[in-house]
Amino acid sequence: MKEKIKEKIAEINQFIGELSEIVPAEYDSYIGNSRDRAACERFFEKIVEASVDLGFIIVKYKKLEVPQSDKELFKILEKN
C-alpha cells in the first residue's frame, strides 16, 4: 500500500511538472490561447483526480471511515 501512495505522489508531481512547463507567464496569454488553456486545464484536472485517488488510498491504508463523496474525503483526511 505504501508503494501505491508513493506512485500516486510521483504521478501528481509529474503532472505538476508538466503543467509548469506549459503554463503561460501572463494571464492574458493564458486566456488568449485556447490550446494552451485547454492543456493547462487538463493537467489541472489530472492533478485533482490523482489527489482524490491518493486520498482514497490513504483512507484505505489508515482504515478510516469510508467517505461518500470527494468533499467528505478531504474532511476525513483533514480530521485525521
Protein backbone atom coordinates (compact mmCIF):
# COMPACT_ATOMS: atom_id res chain seq x y z
CA MET A 1 0.00 0.00 0.00
CA LYS A 2 2.85 2.41 0.78
CA GLU A 3 4.18 1.80 -2.73
CA LYS A 4 0.80 2.86 -4.21
CA ILE A 5 0.97 6.06 -2.17
CA LYS A 6 4.49 6.80 -3.42
CA GLU A 7 3.45 6.09 -7.02
CA LYS A 8 0.44 8.39 -6.78
CA ILE A 9 2.56 11.19 -5.29
CA ALA A 10 5.08 10.72 -8.12
CA GLU A 11 2.23 10.91 -10.64
CA ILE A 12 0.97 14.16 -9.09
CA ASN A 13 4.47 15.61 -9.13
CA GLN A 14 4.85 14.62 -12.79
CA PHE A 15 1.59 16.37 -13.72
CA ILE A 16 2.64 19.48 -11.78
CA GLY A 17 5.97 19.49 -13.61
CA GLU A 18 4.29 19.12 -16.98
CA LEU A 19 1.82 21.88 -16.14
CA SER A 20 4.60 24.21 -15.04
CA GLU A 21 6.31 23.73 -18.42
CA ILE A 22 3.30 24.93 -20.42
CA VAL A 23 1.55 27.46 -18.20
CA PRO A 24 1.89 30.93 -19.71
CA ALA A 25 3.63 33.60 -17.66
CA GLU A 26 0.83 36.11 -18.22
CA TYR A 27 -2.89 35.67 -17.63
CA ASP A 28 -3.72 37.36 -20.94
CA SER A 29 -1.60 34.77 -22.76
CA TYR A 30 -3.50 32.02 -20.97
CA ILE A 31 -6.88 33.48 -21.92
CA GLY A 32 -5.81 34.28 -25.48
CA ASN A 33 -4.58 30.81 -26.46
CA SER A 34 -7.32 28.20 -26.35
CA ARG A 35 -4.93 25.30 -26.99
CA ASP A 36 -2.62 26.23 -24.12
CA ARG A 37 -5.61 26.96 -21.89
CA ALA A 38 -7.13 23.54 -22.65
CA ALA A 39 -3.82 21.80 -21.97
CA CYS A 40 -3.35 23.64 -18.67
CA GLU A 41 -6.90 22.88 -17.59
CA ARG A 42 -6.46 19.19 -18.47
CA PHE A 43 -3.28 18.91 -16.42
CA PHE A 44 -5.05 20.63 -13.54
CA GLU A 45 -7.91 18.11 -13.82
CA LYS A 46 -5.40 15.26 -13.79
CA ILE A 47 -3.76 16.68 -10.66
CA VAL A 48 -7.11 16.93 -8.88
CA GLU A 49 -8.16 13.42 -9.96
CA ALA A 50 -4.85 11.96 -8.81
CA SER A 51 -5.15 13.84 -5.50
CA VAL A 52 -8.60 12.35 -4.92
CA ASP A 53 -7.23 8.89 -5.78
CA LEU A 54 -4.39 9.45 -3.32
CA GLY A 55 -6.88 10.47 -0.65
CA PHE A 56 -8.87 7.27 -1.10
CA ILE A 57 -5.68 5.19 -0.97
CA ILE A 58 -4.72 6.88 2.31
CA VAL A 59 -8.20 6.37 3.77
CA LYS A 60 -7.98 2.67 2.94
CA TYR A 61 -4.39 2.39 4.23
CA LYS A 62 -5.24 4.12 7.52
CA LYS A 63 -8.58 2.25 7.81
CA LEU A 64 -10.50 5.49 8.18
CA GLU A 65 -14.22 5.87 7.67
CA VAL A 66 -15.30 5.48 4.06
CA PRO A 67 -16.29 8.82 2.54
CA GLN A 68 -19.44 9.14 0.47
CA SER A 69 -18.10 11.98 -1.68
CA ASP A 70 -14.86 13.66 -2.68
CA LYS A 71 -15.70 16.60 -0.41
CA GLU A 72 -16.23 14.24 2.52
CA LEU A 73 -12.94 12.51 1.66
CA PHE A 74 -10.96 15.68 2.29
CA LYS A 75 -12.86 16.41 5.50
CA ILE A 76 -11.98 12.93 6.80
CA LEU A 77 -8.34 13.42 5.84
CA GLU A 78 -8.27 16.84 7.50
CA LYS A 79 -9.81 15.43 10.68
CA ASN A 80 -7.33 12.56 10.85
